[in-house]
All heavy atoms as atom14 arrays in JSON, in Angstrom:
{
  "sequence": "AEVRTLAVDDAMRGRGVGHAILEHIIERAHEVGVARIFCLTFETEF",
  "atom14_mask": [
    [1, 1, 1, 1, 1, 0, 0, 0, 0, 0, 0, 0, 0, 0],
    [1, 1, 1, 1, 1, 1, 1, 1, 1, 0, 0, 0, 0, 0],
    [1, 1, 1, 1, 1, 1, 1, 0, 0, 0, 0, 0, 0, 0],
    [1, 1, 1, 1, 1, 1, 1, 1, 1, 1, 1, 0, 0, 0],
    [1, 1, 1, 1, 1, 1, 1, 0, 0, 0, 0, 0, 0, 0],
    [1, 1, 1, 1, 1, 1, 1, 1, 0, 0, 0, 0, 0, 0],
    [1, 1, 1, 1, 1, 0, 0, 0, 0, 0, 0, 0, 0, 0],
    [1, 1, 1, 1, 1, 1, 1, 0, 0, 0, 0, 0, 0, 0],
    [1, 1, 1, 1, 1, 1, 1, 1, 0, 0, 0, 0, 0, 0],
    [1, 1, 1, 1, 1, 1, 1, 1, 0, 0, 0, 0, 0, 0],
    [1, 1, 1, 1, 1, 0, 0, 0, 0, 0, 0, 0, 0, 0],
    [1, 1, 1, 1, 1, 1, 1, 1, 0, 0, 0, 0, 0, 0],
    [1, 1, 1, 1, 1, 1, 1, 1, 1, 1, 1, 0, 0, 0],
    [1, 1, 1, 1, 0, 0, 0, 0, 0, 0, 0, 0, 0, 0],
    [1, 1, 1, 1, 1, 1, 1, 1, 1, 1, 1, 0, 0, 0],
    [1, 1, 1, 1, 0, 0, 0, 0, 0, 0, 0, 0, 0, 0],
    [1, 1, 1, 1, 1, 1, 1, 0, 0, 0, 0, 0, 0, 0],
    [1, 1, 1, 1, 0, 0, 0, 0, 0, 0, 0, 0, 0, 0],
    [1, 1, 1, 1, 1, 1, 1, 1, 1, 1, 0, 0, 0, 0],
    [1, 1, 1, 1, 1, 0, 0, 0, 0, 0, 0, 0, 0, 0],
    [1, 1, 1, 1, 1, 1, 1, 1, 0, 0, 0, 0, 0, 0],
    [1, 1, 1, 1, 1, 1, 1, 1, 0, 0, 0, 0, 0, 0],
    [1, 1, 1, 1, 1, 1, 1, 1, 1, 0, 0, 0, 0, 0],
    [1, 1, 1, 1, 1, 1, 1, 1, 1, 1, 0, 0, 0, 0],
    [1, 1, 1, 1, 1, 1, 1, 1, 0, 0, 0, 0, 0, 0],
    [1, 1, 1, 1, 1, 1, 1, 1, 0, 0, 0, 0, 0, 0],
    [1, 1, 1, 1, 1, 1, 1, 1, 1, 0, 0, 0, 0, 0],
    [1, 1, 1, 1, 1, 1, 1, 1, 1, 1, 1, 0, 0, 0],
    [1, 1, 1, 1, 1, 0, 0, 0, 0, 0, 0, 0, 0, 0],
    [1, 1, 1, 1, 1, 1, 1, 1, 1, 1, 0, 0, 0, 0],
    [1, 1, 1, 1, 1, 1, 1, 1, 1, 0, 0, 0, 0, 0],
    [1, 1, 1, 1, 1, 1, 1, 0, 0, 0, 0, 0, 0, 0],
    [1, 1, 1, 1, 0, 0, 0, 0, 0, 0, 0, 0, 0, 0],
    [1, 1, 1, 1, 1, 1, 1, 0, 0, 0, 0, 0, 0, 0],
    [1, 1, 1, 1, 1, 0, 0, 0, 0, 0, 0, 0, 0, 0],
    [1, 1, 1, 1, 1, 1, 1, 1, 1, 1, 1, 0, 0, 0],
    [1, 1, 1, 1, 1, 1, 1, 1, 0, 0, 0, 0, 0, 0],
    [1, 1, 1, 1, 1, 1, 1, 1, 1, 1, 1, 0, 0, 0],
    [1, 1, 1, 1, 1, 1, 0, 0, 0, 0, 0, 0, 0, 0],
    [1, 1, 1, 1, 1, 1, 1, 1, 0, 0, 0, 0, 0, 0],
    [1, 1, 1, 1, 1, 1, 1, 0, 0, 0, 0, 0, 0, 0],
    [1, 1, 1, 1, 1, 1, 1, 1, 1, 1, 1, 0, 0, 0],
    [1, 1, 1, 1, 1, 1, 1, 1, 1, 0, 0, 0, 0, 0],
    [1, 1, 1, 1, 1, 1, 1, 0, 0, 0, 0, 0, 0, 0],
    [1, 1, 1, 1, 1, 1, 1, 1, 1, 0, 0, 0, 0, 0],
    [1, 1, 1, 1, 1, 1, 1, 1, 1, 1, 1, 0, 0, 0]
  ],
  "atom14_positions": [
    [[-3.1, 3.62, 11.58], [-2.58, 4.4, 10.47], [-3.42, 4.14, 9.29], [-4.09, 3.16, 9.16], [-1.13, 4.15, 10.21], [0.0, 0.0, 0.0], [0.0, 0.0, 0.0], [0.0, 0.0, 0.0], [0.0, 0.0, 0.0], [0.0, 0.0, 0.0], [0.0, 0.0, 0.0], [0.0, 0.0, 0.0], [0.0, 0.0, 0.0], [0.0, 0.0, 0.0]],
    [[-3.34, 5.05, 8.28], [-4.06, 4.88, 7.01], [-3.06, 4.77, 5.89], [-2.07, 5.52, 5.8], [-4.99, 6.11, 6.79], [-5.76, 6.02, 5.46], [-6.55, 7.29, 5.23], [-6.48, 8.24, 5.99], [-7.27, 7.3, 4.22], [0.0, 0.0, 0.0], [0.0, 0.0, 0.0], [0.0, 0.0, 0.0], [0.0, 0.0, 0.0], [0.0, 0.0, 0.0]],
    [[-3.29, 3.86, 4.99], [-2.56, 3.85, 3.67], [-3.31, 4.85, 2.79], [-4.51, 4.76, 2.55], [-2.61, 2.42, 2.99], [-1.95, 2.53, 1.62], [-1.96, 1.41, 3.91], [0.0, 0.0, 0.0], [0.0, 0.0, 0.0], [0.0, 0.0, 0.0], [0.0, 0.0, 0.0], [0.0, 0.0, 0.0], [0.0, 0.0, 0.0], [0.0, 0.0, 0.0]],
    [[-2.56, 5.86, 2.36], [-3.15, 6.94, 1.47], [-2.44, 6.99, 0.12], [-1.28, 6.65, 0.01], [-3.0, 8.25, 2.14], [-3.88, 8.46, 3.38], [-3.77, 9.9, 3.85], [-4.74, 10.13, 4.92], [-4.83, 11.25, 5.58], [-4.06, 12.28, 5.26], [-5.75, 11.36, 6.5], [0.0, 0.0, 0.0], [0.0, 0.0, 0.0], [0.0, 0.0, 0.0]],
    [[-3.17, 7.33, -0.88], [-2.68, 7.78, -2.18], [-1.77, 6.72, -2.77], [-0.7, 7.02, -3.34], [-1.89, 9.1, -1.99], [-2.6, 9.98, -1.11], [-1.78, 9.79, -3.32], [0.0, 0.0, 0.0], [0.0, 0.0, 0.0], [0.0, 0.0, 0.0], [0.0, 0.0, 0.0], [0.0, 0.0, 0.0], [0.0, 0.0, 0.0], [0.0, 0.0, 0.0]],
    [[-2.15, 5.43, -2.65], [-1.37, 4.36, -3.32], [-1.74, 4.32, -4.76], [-2.97, 4.08, -5.11], [-1.65, 3.03, -2.66], [-0.88, 1.77, -3.2], [0.63, 2.04, -3.16], [-1.22, 0.6, -2.41], [0.0, 0.0, 0.0], [0.0, 0.0, 0.0], [0.0, 0.0, 0.0], [0.0, 0.0, 0.0], [0.0, 0.0, 0.0], [0.0, 0.0, 0.0]],
    [[-0.84, 4.61, -5.71], [-1.11, 4.71, -7.08], [0.11, 4.37, -7.91], [1.23, 4.65, -7.48], [-1.58, 6.1, -7.45], [0.0, 0.0, 0.0], [0.0, 0.0, 0.0], [0.0, 0.0, 0.0], [0.0, 0.0, 0.0], [0.0, 0.0, 0.0], [0.0, 0.0, 0.0], [0.0, 0.0, 0.0], [0.0, 0.0, 0.0], [0.0, 0.0, 0.0]],
    [[-0.12, 3.72, -9.02], [1.03, 3.34, -9.92], [0.74, 3.83, -11.33], [-0.4, 3.8, -11.76], [1.1, 1.78, -9.94], [2.18, 1.27, -10.96], [1.43, 1.21, -8.56], [0.0, 0.0, 0.0], [0.0, 0.0, 0.0], [0.0, 0.0, 0.0], [0.0, 0.0, 0.0], [0.0, 0.0, 0.0], [0.0, 0.0, 0.0], [0.0, 0.0, 0.0]],
    [[1.78, 4.37, -11.98], [1.68, 4.78, -13.35], [1.01, 3.69, -14.18], [1.39, 2.53, -14.03], [3.11, 5.1, -13.86], [3.0, 5.72, -15.24], [2.86, 4.92, -16.25], [3.18, 6.96, -15.41], [0.0, 0.0, 0.0], [0.0, 0.0, 0.0], [0.0, 0.0, 0.0], [0.0, 0.0, 0.0], [0.0, 0.0, 0.0], [0.0, 0.0, 0.0]],
    [[0.04, 4.05, -14.97], [-0.7, 3.05, -15.77], [0.18, 2.16, -16.61], [-0.09, 0.97, -16.76], [-1.71, 3.74, -16.65], [-3.04, 4.04, -16.0], [-3.32, 3.41, -14.93], [-3.77, 4.93, -16.44], [0.0, 0.0, 0.0], [0.0, 0.0, 0.0], [0.0, 0.0, 0.0], [0.0, 0.0, 0.0], [0.0, 0.0, 0.0], [0.0, 0.0, 0.0]],
    [[1.28, 2.67, -17.15], [2.2, 1.84, -17.94], [2.9, 0.79, -17.09], [3.42, -0.11, -17.65], [3.22, 2.75, -18.59], [0.0, 0.0, 0.0], [0.0, 0.0, 0.0], [0.0, 0.0, 0.0], [0.0, 0.0, 0.0], [0.0, 0.0, 0.0], [0.0, 0.0, 0.0], [0.0, 0.0, 0.0], [0.0, 0.0, 0.0], [0.0, 0.0, 0.0]],
    [[2.91, 0.92, -15.76], [3.57, 0.01, -14.85], [2.66, -0.9, -14.11], [3.15, -1.75, -13.29], [4.48, 0.78, -13.87], [5.61, 1.63, -14.58], [6.77, 0.57, -15.49], [7.54, -0.34, -14.17], [0.0, 0.0, 0.0], [0.0, 0.0, 0.0], [0.0, 0.0, 0.0], [0.0, 0.0, 0.0], [0.0, 0.0, 0.0], [0.0, 0.0, 0.0]],
    [[1.36, -0.78, -14.3], [0.44, -1.59, -13.59], [0.65, -3.08, -13.95], [0.96, -3.42, -15.08], [-1.01, -1.16, -13.82], [-1.34, 0.18, -13.14], [-2.74, 0.61, -13.45], [-3.69, -0.36, -13.0], [-4.55, -0.23, -11.95], [-4.47, 0.91, -11.29], [-5.37, -1.16, -11.63], [0.0, 0.0, 0.0], [0.0, 0.0, 0.0], [0.0, 0.0, 0.0]],
    [[0.39, -3.95, -12.95], [0.52, -5.38, -13.2], [1.97, -5.88, -13.09], [2.18, -7.05, -13.43], [0.0, 0.0, 0.0], [0.0, 0.0, 0.0], [0.0, 0.0, 0.0], [0.0, 0.0, 0.0], [0.0, 0.0, 0.0], [0.0, 0.0, 0.0], [0.0, 0.0, 0.0], [0.0, 0.0, 0.0], [0.0, 0.0, 0.0], [0.0, 0.0, 0.0]],
    [[2.91, -5.1, -12.71], [4.28, -5.48, -12.62], [4.84, -5.6, -11.19], [6.04, -5.64, -11.01], [5.14, -4.53, -13.36], [4.8, -4.43, -14.89], [5.75, -3.55, -15.63], [5.34, -3.34, -16.97], [6.07, -2.72, -17.88], [7.26, -2.2, -17.54], [5.64, -2.61, -19.09], [0.0, 0.0, 0.0], [0.0, 0.0, 0.0], [0.0, 0.0, 0.0]],
    [[3.95, -5.54, -10.19], [4.37, -5.7, -8.82], [4.81, -4.42, -8.11], [5.27, -4.43, -6.99], [0.0, 0.0, 0.0], [0.0, 0.0, 0.0], [0.0, 0.0, 0.0], [0.0, 0.0, 0.0], [0.0, 0.0, 0.0], [0.0, 0.0, 0.0], [0.0, 0.0, 0.0], [0.0, 0.0, 0.0], [0.0, 0.0, 0.0], [0.0, 0.0, 0.0]],
    [[4.61, -3.27, -8.79], [5.04, -2.0, -8.26], [4.16, -1.65, -7.06], [4.71, -1.31, -5.99], [5.03, -0.85, -9.3], [5.3, 0.48, -8.68], [5.94, -1.2, -10.44], [0.0, 0.0, 0.0], [0.0, 0.0, 0.0], [0.0, 0.0, 0.0], [0.0, 0.0, 0.0], [0.0, 0.0, 0.0], [0.0, 0.0, 0.0], [0.0, 0.0, 0.0]],
    [[2.83, -1.71, -7.18], [1.99, -1.45, -6.04], [2.21, -2.4, -4.9], [2.21, -1.94, -3.71], [0.0, 0.0, 0.0], [0.0, 0.0, 0.0], [0.0, 0.0, 0.0], [0.0, 0.0, 0.0], [0.0, 0.0, 0.0], [0.0, 0.0, 0.0], [0.0, 0.0, 0.0], [0.0, 0.0, 0.0], [0.0, 0.0, 0.0], [0.0, 0.0, 0.0]],
    [[2.48, -3.65, -5.17], [2.8, -4.63, -4.12], [4.03, -4.19, -3.37], [4.05, -4.16, -2.14], [3.03, -6.03, -4.74], [3.62, -7.01, -3.83], [2.91, -7.63, -2.86], [4.9, -7.44, -3.71], [3.72, -8.45, -2.17], [4.93, -8.34, -2.67], [0.0, 0.0, 0.0], [0.0, 0.0, 0.0], [0.0, 0.0, 0.0], [0.0, 0.0, 0.0]],
    [[5.07, -3.77, -4.07], [6.34, -3.38, -3.44], [6.1, -2.13, -2.59], [6.68, -2.04, -1.47], [7.41, -3.14, -4.5], [0.0, 0.0, 0.0], [0.0, 0.0, 0.0], [0.0, 0.0, 0.0], [0.0, 0.0, 0.0], [0.0, 0.0, 0.0], [0.0, 0.0, 0.0], [0.0, 0.0, 0.0], [0.0, 0.0, 0.0], [0.0, 0.0, 0.0]],
    [[5.36, -1.19, -3.06], [5.08, 0.05, -2.31], [4.31, -0.28, -1.06], [4.67, 0.12, 0.03], [4.35, 1.06, -3.16], [5.21, 1.61, -4.31], [3.83, 2.25, -2.29], [4.46, 2.38, -5.34], [0.0, 0.0, 0.0], [0.0, 0.0, 0.0], [0.0, 0.0, 0.0], [0.0, 0.0, 0.0], [0.0, 0.0, 0.0], [0.0, 0.0, 0.0]],
    [[3.26, -1.09, -1.16], [2.41, -1.46, 0.02], [3.24, -2.25, 1.01], [3.11, -1.99, 2.23], [1.17, -2.22, -0.43], [0.24, -2.56, 0.71], [-0.23, -1.29, 1.48], [-1.02, -3.29, 0.16], [0.0, 0.0, 0.0], [0.0, 0.0, 0.0], [0.0, 0.0, 0.0], [0.0, 0.0, 0.0], [0.0, 0.0, 0.0], [0.0, 0.0, 0.0]],
    [[4.09, -3.14, 0.59], [4.94, -3.88, 1.54], [5.89, -2.94, 2.26], [6.09, -3.09, 3.5], [5.74, -4.98, 0.82], [4.87, -6.14, 0.36], [4.15, -6.86, 1.53], [4.81, -7.12, 2.53], [2.96, -7.09, 1.42], [0.0, 0.0, 0.0], [0.0, 0.0, 0.0], [0.0, 0.0, 0.0], [0.0, 0.0, 0.0], [0.0, 0.0, 0.0]],
    [[6.4, -1.95, 1.62], [7.26, -0.96, 2.23], [6.48, -0.16, 3.25], [6.96, 0.13, 4.4], [7.88, 0.0, 1.12], [8.92, 0.9, 1.67], [8.66, 2.12, 2.21], [10.29, 0.79, 1.72], [9.75, 2.73, 2.6], [10.76, 1.9, 2.32], [0.0, 0.0, 0.0], [0.0, 0.0, 0.0], [0.0, 0.0, 0.0], [0.0, 0.0, 0.0]],
    [[5.27, 0.23, 2.93], [4.35, 0.97, 3.84], [4.06, 0.1, 5.05], [4.08, 0.63, 6.2], [3.14, 1.46, 3.13], [3.46, 2.56, 2.14], [2.03, 1.92, 4.1], [2.31, 2.91, 1.18], [0.0, 0.0, 0.0], [0.0, 0.0, 0.0], [0.0, 0.0, 0.0], [0.0, 0.0, 0.0], [0.0, 0.0, 0.0], [0.0, 0.0, 0.0]],
    [[3.72, -1.15, 4.87], [3.42, -2.06, 5.98], [4.65, -2.21, 6.87], [4.51, -2.16, 8.14], [2.92, -3.42, 5.44], [1.55, -3.23, 4.84], [2.9, -4.44, 6.62], [1.03, -4.38, 4.08], [0.0, 0.0, 0.0], [0.0, 0.0, 0.0], [0.0, 0.0, 0.0], [0.0, 0.0, 0.0], [0.0, 0.0, 0.0], [0.0, 0.0, 0.0]],
    [[5.8, -2.36, 6.28], [7.07, -2.42, 7.08], [7.29, -1.2, 7.85], [7.61, -1.22, 9.04], [8.2, -2.68, 6.1], [9.55, -2.85, 6.76], [10.69, -3.09, 5.73], [10.49, -3.97, 4.86], [11.67, -2.34, 5.82], [0.0, 0.0, 0.0], [0.0, 0.0, 0.0], [0.0, 0.0, 0.0], [0.0, 0.0, 0.0], [0.0, 0.0, 0.0]],
    [[7.03, -0.04, 7.25], [7.17, 1.24, 7.99], [6.22, 1.33, 9.16], [6.54, 1.81, 10.24], [6.96, 2.4, 7.01], [7.13, 3.8, 7.63], [8.55, 4.12, 8.04], [8.56, 5.37, 8.63], [9.14, 5.67, 9.83], [9.81, 4.74, 10.42], [9.11, 6.85, 10.31], [0.0, 0.0, 0.0], [0.0, 0.0, 0.0], [0.0, 0.0, 0.0]],
    [[4.97, 0.83, 8.95], [3.97, 0.83, 10.03], [4.48, 0.03, 11.2], [4.36, 0.43, 12.37], [2.66, 0.3, 9.54], [0.0, 0.0, 0.0], [0.0, 0.0, 0.0], [0.0, 0.0, 0.0], [0.0, 0.0, 0.0], [0.0, 0.0, 0.0], [0.0, 0.0, 0.0], [0.0, 0.0, 0.0], [0.0, 0.0, 0.0], [0.0, 0.0, 0.0]],
    [[5.11, -1.15, 10.88], [5.68, -1.95, 11.98], [6.73, -1.18, 12.73], [6.81, -1.18, 13.93], [6.31, -3.22, 11.4], [5.35, -4.33, 11.18], [4.76, -5.03, 12.17], [4.89, -4.9, 9.98], [3.97, -6.01, 11.67], [3.98, -5.89, 10.38], [0.0, 0.0, 0.0], [0.0, 0.0, 0.0], [0.0, 0.0, 0.0], [0.0, 0.0, 0.0]],
    [[7.63, -0.45, 11.99], [8.73, 0.24, 12.51], [8.27, 1.35, 13.51], [8.92, 1.6, 14.53], [9.59, 0.86, 11.48], [10.39, -0.14, 10.65], [11.08, 0.51, 9.43], [10.92, 1.71, 9.22], [11.71, -0.23, 8.71], [0.0, 0.0, 0.0], [0.0, 0.0, 0.0], [0.0, 0.0, 0.0], [0.0, 0.0, 0.0], [0.0, 0.0, 0.0]],
    [[7.16, 2.03, 13.2], [6.7, 3.08, 14.04], [5.75, 2.61, 15.14], [5.3, 3.44, 15.98], [6.1, 4.27, 13.27], [7.13, 4.88, 12.3], [4.83, 3.82, 12.5], [0.0, 0.0, 0.0], [0.0, 0.0, 0.0], [0.0, 0.0, 0.0], [0.0, 0.0, 0.0], [0.0, 0.0, 0.0], [0.0, 0.0, 0.0], [0.0, 0.0, 0.0]],
    [[5.4, 1.34, 15.17], [4.67, 0.79, 16.22], [3.11, 0.73, 16.06], [2.41, 0.55, 17.01], [0.0, 0.0, 0.0], [0.0, 0.0, 0.0], [0.0, 0.0, 0.0], [0.0, 0.0, 0.0], [0.0, 0.0, 0.0], [0.0, 0.0, 0.0], [0.0, 0.0, 0.0], [0.0, 0.0, 0.0], [0.0, 0.0, 0.0], [0.0, 0.0, 0.0]],
    [[2.73, 0.88, 14.79], [1.25, 0.82, 14.45], [0.8, -0.64, 14.54], [1.48, -1.5, 14.01], [0.94, 1.48, 13.1], [-0.42, 1.23, 12.64], [1.32, 2.93, 13.17], [0.0, 0.0, 0.0], [0.0, 0.0, 0.0], [0.0, 0.0, 0.0], [0.0, 0.0, 0.0], [0.0, 0.0, 0.0], [0.0, 0.0, 0.0], [0.0, 0.0, 0.0]],
    [[-0.39, -0.9, 15.09], [-0.92, -2.23, 15.13], [-1.98, -2.53, 14.07], [-2.29, -3.68, 13.81], [-1.5, -2.46, 16.55], [0.0, 0.0, 0.0], [0.0, 0.0, 0.0], [0.0, 0.0, 0.0], [0.0, 0.0, 0.0], [0.0, 0.0, 0.0], [0.0, 0.0, 0.0], [0.0, 0.0, 0.0], [0.0, 0.0, 0.0], [0.0, 0.0, 0.0]],
    [[-2.57, -1.43, 13.51], [-3.62, -1.61, 12.56], [-3.46, -0.56, 11.45], [-3.12, 0.58, 11.74], [-4.99, -1.46, 13.22], [-5.28, -2.43, 14.3], [-6.57, -2.17, 15.01], [-6.57, -0.85, 15.68], [-7.66, -0.15, 15.87], [-8.84, -0.66, 15.59], [-7.61, 1.08, 16.41], [0.0, 0.0, 0.0], [0.0, 0.0, 0.0], [0.0, 0.0, 0.0]],
    [[-3.73, -1.0, 10.23], [-3.69, -0.08, 9.06], [-4.99, -0.19, 8.34], [-5.52, -1.28, 8.12], [-2.59, -0.44, 8.07], [-1.24, -0.59, 8.75], [-2.52, 0.57, 6.98], [-0.14, -1.06, 7.81], [0.0, 0.0, 0.0], [0.0, 0.0, 0.0], [0.0, 0.0, 0.0], [0.0, 0.0, 0.0], [0.0, 0.0, 0.0], [0.0, 0.0, 0.0]],
    [[-5.56, 0.94, 7.96], [-6.81, 0.89, 7.18], [-6.62, 1.66, 5.9], [-5.64, 2.35, 5.69], [-8.01, 1.48, 8.03], [-8.33, 2.9, 7.81], [-9.33, 3.27, 6.86], [-7.62, 3.9, 8.41], [-9.64, 4.59, 6.64], [-7.92, 5.21, 8.2], [-8.92, 5.56, 7.32], [0.0, 0.0, 0.0], [0.0, 0.0, 0.0], [0.0, 0.0, 0.0]],
    [[-7.55, 1.44, 4.97], [-7.54, 2.2, 3.68], [-8.98, 2.33, 3.23], [-9.88, 1.55, 3.64], [-6.7, 1.43, 2.65], [-7.34, -0.13, 2.2], [0.0, 0.0, 0.0], [0.0, 0.0, 0.0], [0.0, 0.0, 0.0], [0.0, 0.0, 0.0], [0.0, 0.0, 0.0], [0.0, 0.0, 0.0], [0.0, 0.0, 0.0], [0.0, 0.0, 0.0]],
    [[-9.22, 3.31, 2.4], [-10.49, 3.46, 1.63], [-10.09, 3.17, 0.18], [-9.27, 3.92, -0.33], [-11.03, 4.86, 1.81], [-11.47, 5.24, 3.21], [-11.75, 6.74, 3.27], [-12.75, 4.51, 3.56], [0.0, 0.0, 0.0], [0.0, 0.0, 0.0], [0.0, 0.0, 0.0], [0.0, 0.0, 0.0], [0.0, 0.0, 0.0], [0.0, 0.0, 0.0]],
    [[-10.67, 2.18, -0.42], [-10.23, 1.75, -1.72], [-11.25, 1.15, -2.61], [-12.33, 0.68, -2.11], [-9.06, 0.72, -1.55], [-8.48, 0.4, -2.81], [-9.57, -0.52, -0.88], [0.0, 0.0, 0.0], [0.0, 0.0, 0.0], [0.0, 0.0, 0.0], [0.0, 0.0, 0.0], [0.0, 0.0, 0.0], [0.0, 0.0, 0.0], [0.0, 0.0, 0.0]],
    [[-11.01, 1.19, -3.93], [-11.8, 0.48, -4.89], [-11.09, -0.88, -5.17], [-11.67, -1.8, -5.72], [-11.94, 1.2, -6.23], [-12.76, 2.43, -6.09], [-12.26, 3.71, -6.26], [-14.18, 2.32, -5.91], [-13.02, 4.83, -6.12], [-14.97, 3.43, -5.79], [-14.37, 4.72, -5.92], [0.0, 0.0, 0.0], [0.0, 0.0, 0.0], [0.0, 0.0, 0.0]],
    [[-9.79, -0.98, -4.83], [-8.99, -2.14, -5.19], [-9.04, -3.16, -4.06], [-8.05, -3.47, -3.46], [-7.54, -1.69, -5.43], [-7.39, -0.63, -6.53], [-7.76, -1.17, -7.91], [-7.66, -2.37, -8.12], [-8.12, -0.37, -8.76], [0.0, 0.0, 0.0], [0.0, 0.0, 0.0], [0.0, 0.0, 0.0], [0.0, 0.0, 0.0], [0.0, 0.0, 0.0]],
    [[-10.26, -3.65, -3.82], [-10.42, -4.58, -2.68], [-9.68, -5.9, -2.87], [-9.17, -6.47, -1.84], [-11.93, -4.83, -2.41], [-12.55, -5.36, -3.64], [-12.65, -3.57, -1.97], [0.0, 0.0, 0.0], [0.0, 0.0, 0.0], [0.0, 0.0, 0.0], [0.0, 0.0, 0.0], [0.0, 0.0, 0.0], [0.0, 0.0, 0.0], [0.0, 0.0, 0.0]],
    [[-9.62, -6.4, -4.08], [-8.86, -7.64, -4.28], [-7.39, -7.45, -3.99], [-6.74, -8.32, -3.39], [-9.07, -8.13, -5.73], [-10.47, -8.71, -5.92], [-10.65, -9.32, -7.35], [-9.66, -9.68, -7.96], [-11.77, -9.31, -7.78], [0.0, 0.0, 0.0], [0.0, 0.0, 0.0], [0.0, 0.0, 0.0], [0.0, 0.0, 0.0], [0.0, 0.0, 0.0]],
    [[-6.82, -6.36, -4.47], [-5.4, -6.09, -4.24], [-5.09, -6.02, -2.74], [-4.19, -6.64, -2.24], [-4.98, -4.73, -4.89], [-3.62, -4.23, -4.55], [-2.5, -4.79, -5.12], [-3.51, -3.21, -3.64], [-1.25, -4.33, -4.82], [-2.22, -2.78, -3.31], [-1.11, -3.36, -3.88], [0.0, 0.0, 0.0], [0.0, 0.0, 0.0], [0.0, 0.0, 0.0]]
  ]
}
């Protein structure tokens, strides 16, 4: 599966919002049986 369109309102950046969204997406991937997730990103550290 692919993580797509992960974005946080600029006023909320740095508050763990992106982390919470990505964790939810990863959990969902587990639920549907996906073994690998990829993304195309500039946010390599994140």
